[in-house]
Amino acid sequence: MDMIEWSDFEKIRLCAGTITAVEDFPEARKPAWKLTINFGETIGTRRSSAQITDLYSKDSLVGQQVMAVVNFPKKQIGPFMSECLVTGVAREDGAIVLVAPLEPVPDGTRLG
């Protein structure tokens, strides 16, 4: 495992945000949702795609907080422009479980 310096970790802006909208993403190679996430006044709203359809329905995601990296460059995913990276961990069966605060926190709160 490569070790990083504390200064490397400090560069990552991993923030809490609330999912405000979920859309189908039929053009994705693997099943995915298009997410709109509110990160509060300072960061604003960002969009991301997430391959989380195995465990999460559209309705179950709206209002849920997630943790996402908000300072990566935008990334084109097919016809969609992703503006942040929603974090998750893979189960043994490959399904992705979202990383989220256990209790509500203000949108935009940074991990650290």
PDB file of N, CA and C in Angstrom:
ATOM      1  N   MET A   1       0.845  -1.169   0.000  1.00  0.00           N
ATOM      2  CA  MET A   1       0.000   0.000   0.000  1.00  0.00           C
ATOM      3  C   MET A   1       0.898   1.242   0.000  1.00  0.00           C
ATOM      4  N   ASP A   2       0.584   2.174  -0.894  1.00  0.00           N
ATOM      5  CA  ASP A   2       1.313   3.438  -0.943  1.00  0.00           C
ATOM      6  C   ASP A   2       0.847   4.334   0.201  1.00  0.00           C
ATOM      7  N   MET A   3       1.777   4.884   0.914  1.00  0.00           N
ATOM      8  CA  MET A   3       1.466   5.815   1.999  1.00  0.00           C
ATOM      9  C   MET A   3       1.409   7.236   1.423  1.00  0.00           C
ATOM     10  N   ILE A   4       0.528   8.055   1.997  1.00  0.00           N
ATOM     11  CA  ILE A   4       0.443   9.451   1.586  1.00  0.00           C
ATOM     12  C   ILE A   4       0.798  10.329   2.776  1.00  0.00           C
ATOM     13  N   GLU A   5       1.112  11.556   2.479  1.00  0.00           N
ATOM     14  CA  GLU A   5       1.398  12.533   3.518  1.00  0.00           C
ATOM     15  C   GLU A   5       0.084  13.204   3.932  1.00  0.00           C
ATOM     16  N   TRP A   6       0.065  13.765   5.127  1.00  0.00           N
ATOM     17  CA  TRP A   6      -1.121  14.480   5.591  1.00  0.00           C
ATOM     18  C   TRP A   6      -1.507  15.580   4.601  1.00  0.00           C
ATOM     19  N   SER A   7      -0.507  16.227   4.012  1.00  0.00           N
ATOM     20  CA  SER A   7      -0.774  17.304   3.049  1.00  0.00           C
ATOM     21  C   SER A   7      -1.508  16.775   1.814  1.00  0.00           C
ATOM     22  N   ASP A   8      -1.290  15.500   1.450  1.00  0.00           N
ATOM     23  CA  ASP A   8      -2.025  14.894   0.331  1.00  0.00           C
ATOM     24  C   ASP A   8      -3.499  14.759   0.696  1.00  0.00           C
ATOM     25  N   PHE A   9      -3.778  14.277   1.900  1.00  0.00           N
ATOM     26  CA  PHE A   9      -5.160  14.110   2.357  1.00  0.00           C
ATOM     27  C   PHE A   9      -5.882  15.449   2.430  1.00  0.00           C
ATOM     28  N   GLU A  10      -5.174  16.486   2.870  1.00  0.00           N
ATOM     29  CA  GLU A  10      -5.786  17.804   3.001  1.00  0.00           C
ATOM     30  C   GLU A  10      -6.257  18.380   1.670  1.00  0.00           C
ATOM     31  N   LYS A  11      -5.740  17.882   0.562  1.00  0.00           N
ATOM     32  CA  LYS A  11      -6.144  18.366  -0.762  1.00  0.00           C
ATOM     33  C   LYS A  11      -7.536  17.871  -1.148  1.00  0.00           C
ATOM     34  N   ILE A  12      -7.962  16.765  -0.573  1.00  0.00           N
ATOM     35  CA  ILE A  12      -9.248  16.154  -0.929  1.00  0.00           C
ATOM     36  C   ILE A  12     -10.369  16.869  -0.190  1.00  0.00           C
ATOM     37  N   ARG A  13     -11.354  17.369  -0.942  1.00  0.00           N
ATOM     38  CA  ARG A  13     -12.545  17.980  -0.336  1.00  0.00           C
ATOM     39  C   ARG A  13     -13.666  16.952  -0.384  1.00  0.00           C
ATOM     40  N   LEU A  14     -13.772  16.184   0.682  1.00  0.00           N
ATOM     41  CA  LEU A  14     -14.792  15.152   0.826  1.00  0.00           C
ATOM     42  C   LEU A  14     -15.883  15.735   1.718  1.00  0.00           C
ATOM     43  N   CYS A  15     -17.044  16.014   1.112  1.00  0.00           N
ATOM     44  CA  CYS A  15     -18.090  16.770   1.801  1.00  0.00           C
ATOM     45  C   CYS A  15     -19.421  16.031   1.793  1.00  0.00           C
ATOM     46  N   ALA A  16     -20.231  16.347   2.801  1.00  0.00           N
ATOM     47  CA  ALA A  16     -21.590  15.817   2.883  1.00  0.00           C
ATOM     48  C   ALA A  16     -22.516  16.650   2.008  1.00  0.00           C
ATOM     49  N   GLY A  17     -23.444  15.972   1.367  1.00  0.00           N
ATOM     50  CA  GLY A  17     -24.455  16.648   0.566  1.00  0.00           C
ATOM     51  C   GLY A  17     -25.735  15.846   0.568  1.00  0.00           C
ATOM     52  N   THR A  18     -26.851  16.510   0.313  1.00  0.00           N
ATOM     53  CA  THR A  18     -28.153  15.860   0.297  1.00  0.00           C
ATOM     54  C   THR A  18     -28.634  15.688  -1.144  1.00  0.00           C
ATOM     55  N   ILE A  19     -29.028  14.476  -1.480  1.00  0.00           N
ATOM     56  CA  ILE A  19     -29.556  14.189  -2.817  1.00  0.00           C
ATOM     57  C   ILE A  19     -30.930  14.844  -2.933  1.00  0.00           C
ATOM     58  N   THR A  20     -31.083  15.689  -3.959  1.00  0.00           N
ATOM     59  CA  THR A  20     -32.342  16.405  -4.159  1.00  0.00           C
ATOM     60  C   THR A  20     -33.149  15.879  -5.342  1.00  0.00           C
ATOM     61  N   ALA A  21     -32.492  15.177  -6.265  1.00  0.00           N
ATOM     62  CA  ALA A  21     -33.191  14.626  -7.429  1.00  0.00           C
ATOM     63  C   ALA A  21     -32.419  13.421  -7.959  1.00  0.00           C
ATOM     64  N   VAL A  22     -33.170  12.465  -8.501  1.00  0.00           N
ATOM     65  CA  VAL A  22     -32.585  11.256  -9.088  1.00  0.00           C
ATOM     66  C   VAL A  22     -33.280  11.017 -10.426  1.00  0.00           C
ATOM     67  N   GLU A  23     -32.462  10.795 -11.465  1.00  0.00           N
ATOM     68  CA  GLU A  23     -32.996  10.555 -12.801  1.00  0.00           C
ATOM     69  C   GLU A  23     -32.441   9.244 -13.352  1.00  0.00           C
ATOM     70  N   ASP A  24     -33.192   8.656 -14.276  1.00  0.00           N
ATOM     71  CA  ASP A  24     -32.692   7.485 -14.988  1.00  0.00           C
ATOM     72  C   ASP A  24     -31.478   7.873 -15.824  1.00  0.00           C
ATOM     73  N   PHE A  25     -30.615   6.896 -16.084  1.00  0.00           N
ATOM     74  CA  PHE A  25     -29.430   7.104 -16.927  1.00  0.00           C
ATOM     75  C   PHE A  25     -29.343   5.920 -17.901  1.00  0.00           C
ATOM     76  N   PRO A  26     -30.280   5.853 -18.873  1.00  0.00           N
ATOM     77  CA  PRO A  26     -30.339   4.693 -19.770  1.00  0.00           C
ATOM     78  C   PRO A  26     -29.118   4.547 -20.676  1.00  0.00           C
ATOM     79  N   GLU A  27     -28.363   5.635 -20.888  1.00  0.00           N
ATOM     80  CA  GLU A  27     -27.193   5.572 -21.770  1.00  0.00           C
ATOM     81  C   GLU A  27     -25.958   4.982 -21.076  1.00  0.00           C
ATOM     82  N   ALA A  28     -26.004   4.813 -19.777  1.00  0.00           N
ATOM     83  CA  ALA A  28     -24.850   4.287 -19.032  1.00  0.00           C
ATOM     84  C   ALA A  28     -24.573   2.837 -19.430  1.00  0.00           C
ATOM     85  N   ARG A  29     -23.283   2.488 -19.487  1.00  0.00           N
ATOM     86  CA  ARG A  29     -22.907   1.109 -19.818  1.00  0.00           C
ATOM     87  C   ARG A  29     -23.356   0.129 -18.741  1.00  0.00           C
ATOM     88  N   LYS A  30     -23.217   0.519 -17.481  1.00  0.00           N
ATOM     89  CA  LYS A  30     -23.709  -0.270 -16.354  1.00  0.00           C
ATOM     90  C   LYS A  30     -24.857   0.509 -15.733  1.00  0.00           C
ATOM     91  N   PRO A  31     -25.856  -0.167 -15.195  1.00  0.00           N
ATOM     92  CA  PRO A  31     -27.001   0.553 -14.617  1.00  0.00           C
ATOM     93  C   PRO A  31     -26.559   1.608 -13.605  1.00  0.00           C
ATOM     94  N   ALA A  32     -27.095   2.811 -13.748  1.00  0.00           N
ATOM     95  CA  ALA A  32     -26.701   3.930 -12.883  1.00  0.00           C
ATOM     96  C   ALA A  32     -27.844   4.930 -12.793  1.00  0.00           C
ATOM     97  N   TRP A  33     -27.764   5.765 -11.765  1.00  0.00           N
ATOM     98  CA  TRP A  33     -28.670   6.902 -11.613  1.00  0.00           C
ATOM     99  C   TRP A  33     -27.890   8.193 -11.838  1.00  0.00           C
ATOM    100  N   LYS A  34     -28.576   9.224 -12.307  1.00  0.00           N
ATOM    101  CA  LYS A  34     -28.036  10.583 -12.335  1.00  0.00           C
ATOM    102  C   LYS A  34     -28.532  11.260 -11.057  1.00  0.00           C
ATOM    103  N   LEU A  35     -27.611  11.757 -10.259  1.00  0.00           N
ATOM    104  CA  LEU A  35     -27.951  12.371  -8.982  1.00  0.00           C
ATOM    105  C   LEU A  35     -27.706  13.874  -9.025  1.00  0.00           C
ATOM    106  N   THR A  36     -28.593  14.629  -8.413  1.00  0.00           N
ATOM    107  CA  THR A  36     -28.378  16.044  -8.147  1.00  0.00           C
ATOM    108  C   THR A  36     -28.228  16.163  -6.636  1.00  0.00           C
ATOM    109  N   ILE A  37     -27.117  16.788  -6.204  1.00  0.00           N
ATOM    110  CA  ILE A  37     -26.772  16.817  -4.786  1.00  0.00           C
ATOM    111  C   ILE A  37     -26.535  18.254  -4.343  1.00  0.00           C
ATOM    112  N   ASN A  38     -27.155  18.636  -3.234  1.00  0.00           N
ATOM    113  CA  ASN A  38     -26.987  19.971  -2.664  1.00  0.00           C
ATOM    114  C   ASN A  38     -25.864  19.920  -1.628  1.00  0.00           C
ATOM    115  N   PHE A  39     -24.808  20.708  -1.859  1.00  0.00           N
ATOM    116  CA  PHE A  39     -23.686  20.799  -0.930  1.00  0.00           C
ATOM    117  C   PHE A  39     -23.675  22.129  -0.177  1.00  0.00           C
ATOM    118  N   GLY A  40     -24.809  22.795  -0.099  1.00  0.00           N
ATOM    119  CA  GLY A  40     -24.899  24.030   0.668  1.00  0.00           C
ATOM    120  C   GLY A  40     -24.495  25.253  -0.133  1.00  0.00           C
ATOM    121  N   GLU A  41     -24.544  26.412   0.531  1.00  0.00           N
ATOM    122  CA  GLU A  41     -24.312  27.696  -0.145  1.00  0.00           C
ATOM    123  C   GLU A  41     -22.926  27.832  -0.751  1.00  0.00           C
ATOM    124  N   THR A  42     -21.901  27.412  -0.048  1.00  0.00           N
ATOM    125  CA  THR A  42     -20.528  27.641  -0.508  1.00  0.00           C
ATOM    126  C   THR A  42     -20.201  26.837  -1.756  1.00  0.00           C
ATOM    127  N   ILE A  43     -20.571  25.565  -1.766  1.00  0.00           N
ATOM    128  CA  ILE A  43     -20.243  24.682  -2.892  1.00  0.00           C
ATOM    129  C   ILE A  43     -21.358  24.682  -3.933  1.00  0.00           C
ATOM    130  N   GLY A  44     -22.598  24.707  -3.482  1.00  0.00           N
ATOM    131  CA  GLY A  44     -23.739  24.709  -4.387  1.00  0.00           C
ATOM    132  C   GLY A  44     -24.198  23.308  -4.752  1.00  0.00           C
ATOM    133  N   THR A  45     -24.907  23.220  -5.854  1.00  0.00           N
ATOM    134  CA  THR A  45     -25.454  21.949  -6.342  1.00  0.00           C
ATOM    135  C   THR A  45     -24.505  21.339  -7.363  1.00  0.00           C
ATOM    136  N   ARG A  46     -24.291  20.049  -7.259  1.00  0.00           N
ATOM    137  CA  ARG A  46     -23.453  19.308  -8.207  1.00  0.00           C
ATOM    138  C   ARG A  46     -24.227  18.085  -8.672  1.00  0.00           C
ATOM    139  N   ARG A  47     -23.819  17.584  -9.852  1.00  0.00           N
ATOM    140  CA  ARG A  47     -24.442  16.376 -10.405  1.00  0.00           C
ATOM    141  C   ARG A  47     -23.403  15.277 -10.504  1.00  0.00           C
ATOM    142  N   SER A  48     -23.865  14.043 -10.374  1.00  0.00           N
ATOM    143  CA  SER A  48     -22.981  12.890 -10.461  1.00  0.00           C
ATOM    144  C   SER A  48     -23.791  11.692 -10.945  1.00  0.00           C
ATOM    145  N   SER A  49     -23.105  10.737 -11.544  1.00  0.00           N
ATOM    146  CA  SER A  49     -23.763   9.463 -11.838  1.00  0.00           C
ATOM    147  C   SER A  49     -23.231   8.453 -10.839  1.00  0.00           C
ATOM    148  N   ALA A  50     -24.062   7.488 -10.484  1.00  0.00           N
ATOM    149  CA  ALA A  50     -23.662   6.493  -9.494  1.00  0.00           C
ATOM    150  C   ALA A  50     -24.261   5.140  -9.857  1.00  0.00           C
ATOM    151  N   GLN A  51     -23.410   4.127  -9.858  1.00  0.00           N
ATOM    152  CA  GLN A  51     -23.840   2.759 -10.160  1.00  0.00           C
ATOM    153  C   GLN A  51     -24.320   2.094  -8.870  1.00  0.00           C
ATOM    154  N   ILE A  52     -25.479   2.541  -8.406  1.00  0.00           N
ATOM    155  CA  ILE A  52     -26.010   2.091  -7.123  1.00  0.00           C
ATOM    156  C   ILE A  52     -27.434   1.554  -7.244  1.00  0.00           C
ATOM    157  N   THR A  53     -27.828   1.164  -8.453  1.00  0.00           N
ATOM    158  CA  THR A  53     -29.207   0.735  -8.687  1.00  0.00           C
ATOM    159  C   THR A  53     -29.535  -0.608  -8.036  1.00  0.00           C
ATOM    160  N   ASP A  54     -28.522  -1.403  -7.676  1.00  0.00           N
ATOM    161  CA  ASP A  54     -28.788  -2.699  -7.040  1.00  0.00           C
ATOM    162  C   ASP A  54     -29.445  -2.534  -5.671  1.00  0.00           C
ATOM    163  N   LEU A  55     -29.035  -1.526  -4.930  1.00  0.00           N
ATOM    164  CA  LEU A  55     -29.501  -1.371  -3.551  1.00  0.00           C
ATOM    165  C   LEU A  55     -30.426  -0.193  -3.315  1.00  0.00           C
ATOM    166  N   TYR A  56     -30.442   0.773  -4.253  1.00  0.00           N
ATOM    167  CA  TYR A  56     -31.170   2.008  -3.997  1.00  0.00           C
ATOM    168  C   TYR A  56     -32.130   2.332  -5.132  1.00  0.00           C
ATOM    169  N   SER A  57     -33.384   2.577  -4.773  1.00  0.00           N
ATOM    170  CA  SER A  57     -34.371   3.049  -5.753  1.00  0.00           C
ATOM    171  C   SER A  57     -34.284   4.569  -5.823  1.00  0.00           C
ATOM    172  N   LYS A  58     -34.869   5.135  -6.870  1.00  0.00           N
ATOM    173  CA  LYS A  58     -34.873   6.596  -6.997  1.00  0.00           C
ATOM    174  C   LYS A  58     -35.530   7.229  -5.774  1.00  0.00           C
ATOM    175  N   ASP A  59     -36.678   6.706  -5.379  1.00  0.00           N
ATOM    176  CA  ASP A  59     -37.413   7.293  -4.257  1.00  0.00           C
ATOM    177  C   ASP A  59     -36.648   7.205  -2.943  1.00  0.00           C
ATOM    178  N   SER A  60     -35.902   6.124  -2.735  1.00  0.00           N
ATOM    179  CA  SER A  60     -35.176   5.957  -1.470  1.00  0.00           C
ATOM    180  C   SER A  60     -33.987   6.909  -1.360  1.00  0.00           C
ATOM    181  N   LEU A  61     -33.509   7.425  -2.484  1.00  0.00           N
ATOM    182  CA  LEU A  61     -32.317   8.276  -2.475  1.00  0.00           C
ATOM    183  C   LEU A  61     -32.612   9.745  -2.202  1.00  0.00           C
ATOM    184  N   VAL A  62     -33.759  10.224  -2.632  1.00  0.00           N
ATOM    185  CA  VAL A  62     -34.081  11.645  -2.454  1.00  0.00           C
ATOM    186  C   VAL A  62     -34.156  11.959  -0.961  1.00  0.00           C
ATOM    187  N   GLY A  63     -33.389  12.961  -0.541  1.00  0.00           N
ATOM    188  CA  GLY A  63     -33.336  13.363   0.857  1.00  0.00           C
ATOM    189  C   GLY A  63     -32.218  12.700   1.644  1.00  0.00           C
ATOM    190  N   GLN A  64     -31.541  11.720   1.052  1.00  0.00           N
ATOM    191  CA  GLN A  64     -30.455  11.024   1.740  1.00  0.00           C
ATOM    192  C   GLN A  64     -29.153  11.805   1.621  1.00  0.00           C
ATOM    193  N   GLN A  65     -28.396  11.861   2.710  1.00  0.00           N
ATOM    194  CA  GLN A  65     -27.076  12.485   2.653  1.00  0.00           C
ATOM    195  C   GLN A  65     -26.048  11.463   2.192  1.00  0.00           C
ATOM    196  N   VAL A  66     -25.059  11.953   1.461  1.00  0.00           N
ATOM    197  CA  VAL A  66     -23.949  11.134   0.979  1.00  0.00           C
ATOM    198  C   VAL A  66     -22.656  11.913   1.178  1.00  0.00           C
ATOM    199  N   MET A  67     -21.545  11.215   1.048  1.00  0.00           N
ATOM    200  CA  MET A  67     -20.233  11.853   1.072  1.00  0.00           C
ATOM    201  C   MET A  67     -19.684  11.804  -0.349  1.00  0.00           C
ATOM    202  N   ALA A  68     -19.165  12.934  -0.817  1.00  0.00           N
ATOM    203  CA  ALA A  68     -18.653  13.000  -2.185  1.00  0.00           C
ATOM    204  C   ALA A  68     -17.408  13.881  -2.245  1.00  0.00           C
ATOM    205  N   VAL A  69     -16.522  13.536  -3.173  1.00  0.00           N
ATOM    206  CA  VAL A  69     -15.363  14.374  -3.452  1.00  0.00           C
ATOM    207  C   VAL A  69     -15.844  15.464  -4.406  1.00  0.00           C
ATOM    208  N   VAL A  70     -15.665  16.721  -3.980  1.00  0.00           N
ATOM    209  CA  VAL A  70     -16.200  17.838  -4.763  1.00  0.00           C
ATOM    210  C   VAL A  70     -15.129  18.642  -5.487  1.00  0.00           C
ATOM    211  N   ASN A  71     -13.855  18.239  -5.364  1.00  0.00           N
ATOM    212  CA  ASN A  71     -12.816  19.022  -6.040  1.00  0.00           C
ATOM    213  C   ASN A  71     -12.043  18.231  -7.096  1.00  0.00           C
ATOM    214  N   PHE A  72     -12.677  17.212  -7.670  1.00  0.00           N
ATOM    215  CA  PHE A  72     -12.131  16.581  -8.869  1.00  0.00           C
ATOM    216  C   PHE A  72     -12.562  17.410 -10.078  1.00  0.00           C
ATOM    217  N   PRO A  73     -11.812  17.347 -11.176  1.00  0.00           N
ATOM    218  CA  PRO A  73     -12.295  17.993 -12.397  1.00  0.00           C
ATOM    219  C   PRO A  73     -13.580  17.304 -12.881  1.00  0.00           C
ATOM    220  N   LYS A  74     -14.396  18.030 -13.616  1.00  0.00           N
ATOM    221  CA  LYS A  74     -15.592  17.435 -14.208  1.00  0.00           C
ATOM    222  C   LYS A  74     -15.176  16.287 -15.116  1.00  0.00           C
ATOM    223  N   LYS A  75     -16.053  15.278 -15.228  1.00  0.00           N
ATOM    224  CA  LYS A  75     -15.751  14.105 -16.055  1.00  0.00           C
ATOM    225  C   LYS A  75     -16.951  13.779 -16.929  1.00  0.00           C
ATOM    226  N   GLN A  76     -16.696  13.652 -18.226  1.00  0.00           N
ATOM    227  CA  GLN A  76     -17.743  13.290 -19.179  1.00  0.00           C
ATOM    228  C   GLN A  76     -17.995  11.789 -19.095  1.00  0.00           C
ATOM    229  N   ILE A  77     -19.242  11.410 -18.822  1.00  0.00           N
ATOM    230  CA  ILE A  77     -19.637  10.007 -18.773  1.00  0.00           C
ATOM    231  C   ILE A  77     -20.750   9.841 -19.798  1.00  0.00           C
ATOM    232  N   GLY A  78     -20.385   9.397 -20.996  1.00  0.00           N
ATOM    233  CA  GLY A  78     -21.356   9.347 -22.094  1.00  0.00           C
ATOM    234  C   GLY A  78     -21.873  10.753 -22.344  1.00  0.00           C
ATOM    235  N   PRO A  79     -23.209  10.928 -22.390  1.00  0.00           N
ATOM    236  CA  PRO A  79     -23.763  12.256 -22.647  1.00  0.00           C
ATOM    237  C   PRO A  79     -23.890  13.112 -21.383  1.00  0.00           C
ATOM    238  N   PHE A  80     -23.400  12.616 -20.256  1.00  0.00           N
ATOM    239  CA  PHE A  80     -23.587  13.269 -18.956  1.00  0.00           C
ATOM    240  C   PHE A  80     -22.265  13.803 -18.412  1.00  0.00           C
ATOM    241  N   MET A  81     -22.289  15.000 -17.815  1.00  0.00           N
ATOM    242  CA  MET A  81     -21.100  15.586 -17.202  1.00  0.00           C
ATOM    243  C   MET A  81     -21.192  15.424 -15.684  1.00  0.00           C
ATOM    244  N   SER A  82     -20.299  14.610 -15.136  1.00  0.00           N
ATOM    245  CA  SER A  82     -20.248  14.388 -13.694  1.00  0.00           C
ATOM    246  C   SER A  82     -19.404  15.487 -13.052  1.00  0.00           C
ATOM    247  N   GLU A  83     -19.921  16.069 -11.959  1.00  0.00           N
ATOM    248  CA  GLU A  83     -19.267  17.197 -11.309  1.00  0.00           C
ATOM    249  C   GLU A  83     -18.700  16.870  -9.929  1.00  0.00           C
ATOM    250  N   CYS A  84     -18.927  15.649  -9.452  1.00  0.00           N
ATOM    251  CA  CYS A  84     -18.378  15.214  -8.171  1.00  0.00           C
ATOM    252  C   CYS A  84     -18.366  13.685  -8.156  1.00  0.00           C
ATOM    253  N   LEU A  85     -17.670  13.112  -7.175  1.00  0.00           N
ATOM    254  CA  LEU A  85     -17.577  11.659  -7.064  1.00  0.00           C
ATOM    255  C   LEU A  85     -18.240  11.217  -5.768  1.00  0.00           C
ATOM    256  N   VAL A  86     -19.394  10.568  -5.893  1.00  0.00           N
ATOM    257  CA  VAL A  86     -20.096  10.026  -4.737  1.00  0.00           C
ATOM    258  C   VAL A  86     -19.338   8.780  -4.276  1.00  0.00           C
ATOM    259  N   THR A  87     -19.137   8.658  -2.959  1.00  0.00           N
ATOM    260  CA  THR A  87     -18.345   7.550  -2.446  1.00  0.00           C
ATOM    261  C   THR A  87     -19.217   6.379  -2.008  1.00  0.00           C
ATOM    262  N   GLY A  88     -18.657   5.189  -2.165  1.00  0.00           N
ATOM    263  CA  GLY A  88     -19.330   3.969  -1.749  1.00  0.00           C
ATOM    264  C   GLY A  88     -18.325   2.849  -1.630  1.00  0.00           C
ATOM    265  N   VAL A  89     -18.750   1.773  -1.018  1.00  0.00           N
ATOM    266  CA  VAL A  89     -17.908   0.587  -0.880  1.00  0.00           C
ATOM    267  C   VAL A  89     -18.647  -0.610  -1.465  1.00  0.00           C
ATOM    268  N   ALA A  90     -17.881  -1.523  -2.049  1.00  0.00           N
ATOM    269  CA  ALA A  90     -18.470  -2.690  -2.706  1.00  0.00           C
ATOM    270  C   ALA A  90     -18.648  -3.839  -1.719  1.00  0.00           C
ATOM    271  N   ARG A  91     -19.821  -4.449  -1.764  1.00  0.00           N
ATOM    272  CA  ARG A  91     -20.046  -5.678  -1.010  1.00  0.00           C
ATOM    273  C   ARG A  91     -19.428  -6.831  -1.782  1.00  0.00           C
ATOM    274  N   GLU A  92     -19.430  -8.015  -1.187  1.00  0.00           N
ATOM    275  CA  GLU A  92     -18.875  -9.196  -1.856  1.00  0.00           C
ATOM    276  C   GLU A  92     -19.582  -9.495  -3.169  1.00  0.00           C
ATOM    277  N   ASP A  93     -20.883  -9.184  -3.257  1.00  0.00           N
ATOM    278  CA  ASP A  93     -21.640  -9.450  -4.479  1.00  0.00           C
ATOM    279  C   ASP A  93     -21.481  -8.349  -5.523  1.00  0.00           C
ATOM    280  N   GLY A  94     -20.683  -7.328  -5.208  1.00  0.00           N
ATOM    281  CA  GLY A  94     -20.435  -6.242  -6.151  1.00  0.00           C
ATOM    282  C   GLY A  94     -21.353  -5.045  -5.998  1.00  0.00           C
ATOM    283  N   ALA A  95     -22.432  -5.175  -5.231  1.00  0.00           N
ATOM    284  CA  ALA A  95     -23.342  -4.046  -5.020  1.00  0.00           C
ATOM    285  C   ALA A  95     -22.624  -2.959  -4.226  1.00  0.00           C
ATOM    286  N   ILE A  96     -22.875  -1.710  -4.595  1.00  0.00           N
ATOM    287  CA  ILE A  96     -22.224  -0.574  -3.947  1.00  0.00           C
ATOM    288  C   ILE A  96     -23.110  -0.033  -2.821  1.00  0.00           C
ATOM    289  N   VAL A  97     -22.504   0.120  -1.642  1.00  0.00           N
ATOM    290  CA  VAL A  97     -23.160   0.708  -0.469  1.00  0.00           C
ATOM    291  C   VAL A  97     -22.630   2.131  -0.317  1.00  0.00           C
ATOM    292  N   LEU A  98     -23.521   3.094  -0.283  1.00  0.00           N
ATOM    293  CA  LEU A  98     -23.123   4.496  -0.166  1.00  0.00           C
ATOM    294  C   LEU A  98     -22.460   4.786   1.171  1.00  0.00           C
ATOM    295  N   VAL A  99     -21.484   5.700   1.157  1.00  0.00           N
ATOM    296  CA  VAL A  99     -20.867   6.210   2.371  1.00  0.00           C
ATOM    297  C   VAL A  99     -21.634   7.468   2.749  1.00  0.00           C
ATOM    298  N   ALA A 100     -22.081   7.530   4.017  1.00  0.00           N
ATOM    299  CA  ALA A 100     -22.906   8.656   4.457  1.00  0.00           C
ATOM    300  C   ALA A 100     -22.704   8.902   5.948  1.00  0.00           C
ATOM    301  N   PRO A 101     -22.949  10.133   6.411  1.00  0.00           N
ATOM    302  CA  PRO A 101     -22.902  10.389   7.850  1.00  0.00           C
ATOM    303  C   PRO A 101     -23.978   9.569   8.567  1.00  0.00           C
ATOM    304  N   LEU A 102     -23.679   9.135   9.787  1.00  0.00           N
ATOM    305  CA  LEU A 102     -24.662   8.383  10.566  1.00  0.00           C
ATOM    306  C   LEU A 102     -25.767   9.280  11.101  1.00  0.00           C
ATOM    307  N   GLU A 103     -25.460  10.551  11.294  1.00  0.00           N
ATOM    308  CA  GLU A 103     -26.427  11.544  11.752  1.00  0.00           C
ATOM    309  C   GLU A 103     -26.399  12.706  10.767  1.00  0.00           C
ATOM    310  N   PRO A 104     -27.515  13.445  10.622  1.00  0.00           N
ATOM    311  CA  PRO A 104     -27.521  14.584   9.695  1.00  0.00           C
ATOM    312  C   PRO A 104     -26.492  15.644  10.080  1.00  0.00           C
ATOM    313  N   VAL A 105     -25.848  16.211   9.077  1.00  0.00           N
ATOM    314  CA  VAL A 105     -24.907  17.317   9.239  1.00  0.00           C
ATOM    315  C   VAL A 105     -25.261  18.379   8.195  1.00  0.00           C
ATOM    316  N   PRO A 106     -24.819  19.617   8.391  1.00  0.00           N
ATOM    317  CA  PRO A 106     -25.108  20.649   7.387  1.00  0.00           C
ATOM    318  C   PRO A 106     -24.489  20.271   6.036  1.00  0.00           C
ATOM    319  N   ASP A 107     -25.232  20.474   4.956  1.00  0.00           N
ATOM    320  CA  ASP A 107     -24.701  20.219   3.621  1.00  0.00           C
ATOM    321  C   ASP A 107     -23.449  21.047   3.405  1.00  0.00           C
ATOM    322  N   GLY A 108     -22.425  20.422   2.847  1.00  0.00           N
ATOM    323  CA  GLY A 108     -21.156  21.082   2.620  1.00  0.00           C
ATOM    324  C   GLY A 108     -20.129  20.802   3.707  1.00  0.00           C
ATOM    325  N   THR A 109     -20.554  20.148   4.799  1.00  0.00           N
ATOM    326  CA  THR A 109     -19.613  19.845   5.878  1.00  0.00           C
ATOM    327  C   THR A 109     -18.509  18.944   5.330  1.00  0.00           C
ATOM    328  N   ARG A 110     -17.278  19.339   5.615  1.00  0.00           N
ATOM    329  CA  ARG A 110     -16.111  18.615   5.094  1.00  0.00           C
ATOM    330  C   ARG A 110     -15.644  17.559   6.082  1.00  0.00           C
ATOM    331  N   LEU A 111     -15.294  16.380   5.551  1.00  0.00           N
ATOM    332  CA  LEU A 111     -14.692  15.336   6.356  1.00  0.00           C
ATOM    333  C   LEU A 111     -13.309  15.798   6.771  1.00  0.00           C
ATOM    334  N   GLY A 112     -12.974  15.567   8.010  1.00  0.00           N
ATOM    335  CA  GLY A 112     -11.625  15.916   8.412  1.00  0.00           C
ATOM    336  C   GLY A 112     -11.523  16.307   9.846  1.00  0.00           C
TER     337      GLY A 112
END
